[in-house]
Amino acid sequence: MDTITNLTTSIKNAYIVNKRTVRVPATRINEKLGKILLNEGFINNIREHKEGKKSFLIFTFKYRKKKETRITLKRISKPGQRIYSNFRKIPKVLNGIGIVILSTSQGIMTDHEARQKKIGGEILCYAW
């Protein structure tokens, strides 16, 4: 399983069982995706935790009473099938309410940033 799928699955499973935090391996991709989720308001906090030689990222969630307002992540581009898009054809999630996270030549960014910079890339996941 790749790191992005591991991250999205861990977050989804943590929400299902109403956990306050989730622990994922500390990789650059997980850190960048976590910062995007933090900046977009999907999570409250990210911190790094070390156990011996291994490093982990701990995400702290924002919880609300309504079930519909919880974070949902969906992996789009997979190792067996990569999905690319130019900046004009980047899809909008829930008419712009959600975000698309892309891997571009200038790093991992949201669909809003990619449209402003007029660059496309690989569509990693949707978040809403």
C-alpha atoms as a PDB file:
ATOM      1  CA  MET A   1       0.000   0.000   0.000  1.00  0.00           C
ATOM      2  CA  ASP A   2       1.377   3.410  -0.865  1.00  0.00           C
ATOM      3  CA  THR A   3       1.742   6.207   1.691  1.00  0.00           C
ATOM      4  CA  ILE A   4      -1.119   8.364   0.387  1.00  0.00           C
ATOM      5  CA  THR A   5      -3.578   5.482   0.470  1.00  0.00           C
ATOM      6  CA  ASN A   6      -2.334   4.599   3.959  1.00  0.00           C
ATOM      7  CA  LEU A   7      -2.931   8.200   5.112  1.00  0.00           C
ATOM      8  CA  THR A   8      -6.436   8.489   3.621  1.00  0.00           C
ATOM      9  CA  THR A   9      -7.484   5.092   4.982  1.00  0.00           C
ATOM     10  CA  SER A  10      -6.111   5.868   8.450  1.00  0.00           C
ATOM     11  CA  ILE A  11      -8.003   9.164   8.585  1.00  0.00           C
ATOM     12  CA  LYS A  12     -11.254   7.594   7.358  1.00  0.00           C
ATOM     13  CA  ASN A  13     -11.003   4.740   9.861  1.00  0.00           C
ATOM     14  CA  ALA A  14     -10.226   7.117  12.731  1.00  0.00           C
ATOM     15  CA  TYR A  15     -13.350   9.128  11.920  1.00  0.00           C
ATOM     16  CA  ILE A  16     -15.502   6.009  11.796  1.00  0.00           C
ATOM     17  CA  VAL A  17     -14.525   5.025  15.356  1.00  0.00           C
ATOM     18  CA  ASN A  18     -14.538   8.656  16.607  1.00  0.00           C
ATOM     19  CA  LYS A  19     -10.837   8.792  17.507  1.00  0.00           C
ATOM     20  CA  ARG A  20      -9.455  12.193  18.397  1.00  0.00           C
ATOM     21  CA  THR A  21      -6.026  11.555  16.815  1.00  0.00           C
ATOM     22  CA  VAL A  22      -4.428   9.333  14.204  1.00  0.00           C
ATOM     23  CA  ARG A  23      -0.786   8.307  13.890  1.00  0.00           C
ATOM     24  CA  VAL A  24       0.847   7.839  10.476  1.00  0.00           C
ATOM     25  CA  PRO A  25       4.467   7.315   9.422  1.00  0.00           C
ATOM     26  CA  ALA A  26       6.412  10.558   9.011  1.00  0.00           C
ATOM     27  CA  THR A  27       7.135  10.970   5.312  1.00  0.00           C
ATOM     28  CA  ARG A  28       7.492  14.123   3.256  1.00  0.00           C
ATOM     29  CA  ILE A  29       4.272  13.411   1.378  1.00  0.00           C
ATOM     30  CA  ASN A  30       2.298  12.793   4.580  1.00  0.00           C
ATOM     31  CA  GLU A  31       3.726  15.976   6.067  1.00  0.00           C
ATOM     32  CA  LYS A  32       2.785  18.060   3.005  1.00  0.00           C
ATOM     33  CA  LEU A  33      -0.701  16.552   2.817  1.00  0.00           C
ATOM     34  CA  GLY A  34      -1.145  17.156   6.534  1.00  0.00           C
ATOM     35  CA  LYS A  35      -0.132  20.807   6.175  1.00  0.00           C
ATOM     36  CA  ILE A  36      -2.674  21.246   3.375  1.00  0.00           C
ATOM     37  CA  LEU A  37      -5.417  19.657   5.509  1.00  0.00           C
ATOM     38  CA  LEU A  38      -4.374  21.901   8.413  1.00  0.00           C
ATOM     39  CA  ASN A  39      -4.388  25.079   6.289  1.00  0.00           C
ATOM     40  CA  GLU A  40      -7.790  24.195   4.799  1.00  0.00           C
ATOM     41  CA  GLY A  41      -9.281  23.629   8.257  1.00  0.00           C
ATOM     42  CA  PHE A  42      -9.880  19.877   8.095  1.00  0.00           C
ATOM     43  CA  ILE A  43      -7.653  19.082  11.084  1.00  0.00           C
ATOM     44  CA  ASN A  44      -6.632  21.009  14.222  1.00  0.00           C
ATOM     45  CA  ASN A  45      -2.984  20.133  14.718  1.00  0.00           C
ATOM     46  CA  ILE A  46      -0.015  18.121  13.454  1.00  0.00           C
ATOM     47  CA  ARG A  47       2.881  17.094  15.639  1.00  0.00           C
ATOM     48  CA  GLU A  48       5.839  14.780  15.227  1.00  0.00           C
ATOM     49  CA  HIS A  49       6.467  11.898  17.615  1.00  0.00           C
ATOM     50  CA  LYS A  50       9.552   9.660  17.743  1.00  0.00           C
ATOM     51  CA  GLU A  51       9.725   6.121  19.044  1.00  0.00           C
ATOM     52  CA  GLY A  52      13.301   4.940  18.891  1.00  0.00           C
ATOM     53  CA  LYS A  53      14.477   5.421  15.301  1.00  0.00           C
ATOM     54  CA  LYS A  54      10.962   5.698  13.835  1.00  0.00           C
ATOM     55  CA  SER A  55       9.124   8.990  13.401  1.00  0.00           C
ATOM     56  CA  PHE A  56       5.366   9.425  13.262  1.00  0.00           C
ATOM     57  CA  LEU A  57       3.019  12.303  12.556  1.00  0.00           C
ATOM     58  CA  ILE A  58       0.039  12.655  14.857  1.00  0.00           C
ATOM     59  CA  PHE A  59      -2.981  14.450  13.393  1.00  0.00           C
ATOM     60  CA  THR A  60      -5.539  15.914  15.797  1.00  0.00           C
ATOM     61  CA  PHE A  61      -9.023  16.184  14.300  1.00  0.00           C
ATOM     62  CA  LYS A  62     -11.733  18.781  14.522  1.00  0.00           C
ATOM     63  CA  TYR A  63     -14.914  17.039  15.545  1.00  0.00           C
ATOM     64  CA  ARG A  64     -18.394  18.385  15.118  1.00  0.00           C
ATOM     65  CA  LYS A  65     -21.705  16.931  16.195  1.00  0.00           C
ATOM     66  CA  LYS A  66     -23.153  16.600  12.702  1.00  0.00           C
ATOM     67  CA  LYS A  67     -22.070  13.547  10.762  1.00  0.00           C
ATOM     68  CA  GLU A  68     -22.212  15.391   7.421  1.00  0.00           C
ATOM     69  CA  THR A  69     -19.531  17.898   8.446  1.00  0.00           C
ATOM     70  CA  ARG A  70     -16.761  15.359   8.982  1.00  0.00           C
ATOM     71  CA  ILE A  71     -13.764  15.111   6.682  1.00  0.00           C
ATOM     72  CA  THR A  72     -13.951  12.688   3.774  1.00  0.00           C
ATOM     73  CA  LEU A  73     -10.877  11.792   1.744  1.00  0.00           C
ATOM     74  CA  LYS A  74     -10.985   9.900  -1.540  1.00  0.00           C
ATOM     75  CA  ARG A  75      -7.846   8.648  -3.287  1.00  0.00           C
ATOM     76  CA  ILE A  76      -8.037   9.312  -7.040  1.00  0.00           C
ATOM     77  CA  SER A  77      -4.699   8.596  -8.699  1.00  0.00           C
ATOM     78  CA  LYS A  78      -3.417   5.162  -7.750  1.00  0.00           C
ATOM     79  CA  PRO A  79      -0.100   3.407  -8.414  1.00  0.00           C
ATOM     80  CA  GLY A  80      -1.750   1.233 -11.079  1.00  0.00           C
ATOM     81  CA  GLN A  81      -3.662   4.083 -12.712  1.00  0.00           C
ATOM     82  CA  ARG A  82      -2.332   7.630 -12.623  1.00  0.00           C
ATOM     83  CA  ILE A  83      -4.797  10.470 -13.272  1.00  0.00           C
ATOM     84  CA  TYR A  84      -3.423  13.755 -14.637  1.00  0.00           C
ATOM     85  CA  SER A  85      -5.118  17.041 -15.416  1.00  0.00           C
ATOM     86  CA  ASN A  86      -4.124  20.410 -16.792  1.00  0.00           C
ATOM     87  CA  PHE A  87      -5.163  23.480 -14.796  1.00  0.00           C
ATOM     88  CA  ARG A  88      -8.235  24.175 -16.956  1.00  0.00           C
ATOM     89  CA  LYS A  89      -9.711  20.712 -16.412  1.00  0.00           C
ATOM     90  CA  ILE A  90      -9.070  20.265 -12.675  1.00  0.00           C
ATOM     91  CA  PRO A  91     -12.414  19.031 -11.292  1.00  0.00           C
ATOM     92  CA  LYS A  92     -14.314  20.906  -8.604  1.00  0.00           C
ATOM     93  CA  VAL A  93     -15.400  18.901  -5.565  1.00  0.00           C
ATOM     94  CA  LEU A  94     -18.956  19.685  -4.417  1.00  0.00           C
ATOM     95  CA  ASN A  95     -19.018  22.823  -6.583  1.00  0.00           C
ATOM     96  CA  GLY A  96     -15.916  24.237  -4.923  1.00  0.00           C
ATOM     97  CA  ILE A  97     -16.726  23.378  -1.297  1.00  0.00           C
ATOM     98  CA  GLY A  98     -14.183  20.550  -1.213  1.00  0.00           C
ATOM     99  CA  ILE A  99     -10.591  20.592  -2.396  1.00  0.00           C
ATOM    100  CA  VAL A 100      -8.525  18.635  -4.888  1.00  0.00           C
ATOM    101  CA  ILE A 101      -4.947  17.898  -3.840  1.00  0.00           C
ATOM    102  CA  LEU A 102      -2.490  17.727  -6.738  1.00  0.00           C
ATOM    103  CA  SER A 103       1.133  16.795  -7.164  1.00  0.00           C
ATOM    104  CA  THR A 104       2.647  19.327  -9.572  1.00  0.00           C
ATOM    105  CA  SER A 105       6.103  20.235 -10.796  1.00  0.00           C
ATOM    106  CA  GLN A 106       6.135  22.921  -8.075  1.00  0.00           C
ATOM    107  CA  GLY A 107       5.130  20.577  -5.252  1.00  0.00           C
ATOM    108  CA  ILE A 108       1.926  19.308  -3.681  1.00  0.00           C
ATOM    109  CA  MET A 109      -0.844  21.920  -3.648  1.00  0.00           C
ATOM    110  CA  THR A 110      -4.595  22.472  -3.727  1.00  0.00           C
ATOM    111  CA  ASP A 111      -6.661  23.012  -6.845  1.00  0.00           C
ATOM    112  CA  HIS A 112      -7.030  26.718  -6.006  1.00  0.00           C
ATOM    113  CA  GLU A 113      -3.265  27.259  -5.961  1.00  0.00           C
ATOM    114  CA  ALA A 114      -2.772  25.215  -9.155  1.00  0.00           C
ATOM    115  CA  ARG A 115      -5.377  27.276 -11.010  1.00  0.00           C
ATOM    116  CA  GLN A 116      -3.761  30.539  -9.842  1.00  0.00           C
ATOM    117  CA  LYS A 117      -0.301  29.381 -10.936  1.00  0.00           C
ATOM    118  CA  LYS A 118      -1.771  27.874 -14.142  1.00  0.00           C
ATOM    119  CA  ILE A 119      -0.139  24.474 -13.707  1.00  0.00           C
ATOM    120  CA  GLY A 120      -1.611  20.997 -13.811  1.00  0.00           C
ATOM    121  CA  GLY A 121      -0.444  17.719 -12.388  1.00  0.00           C
ATOM    122  CA  GLU A 122      -1.400  14.379 -10.912  1.00  0.00           C
ATOM    123  CA  ILE A 123      -4.662  14.374  -8.961  1.00  0.00           C
ATOM    124  CA  LEU A 124      -3.817  12.691  -5.660  1.00  0.00           C
ATOM    125  CA  CYS A 125      -7.068  12.923  -3.709  1.00  0.00           C
ATOM    126  CA  TYR A 126     -10.278  14.805  -2.993  1.00  0.00           C
ATOM    127  CA  ALA A 127     -11.151  16.169   0.451  1.00  0.00           C
ATOM    128  CA  TRP A 128     -14.550  17.478   1.582  1.00  0.00           C
END
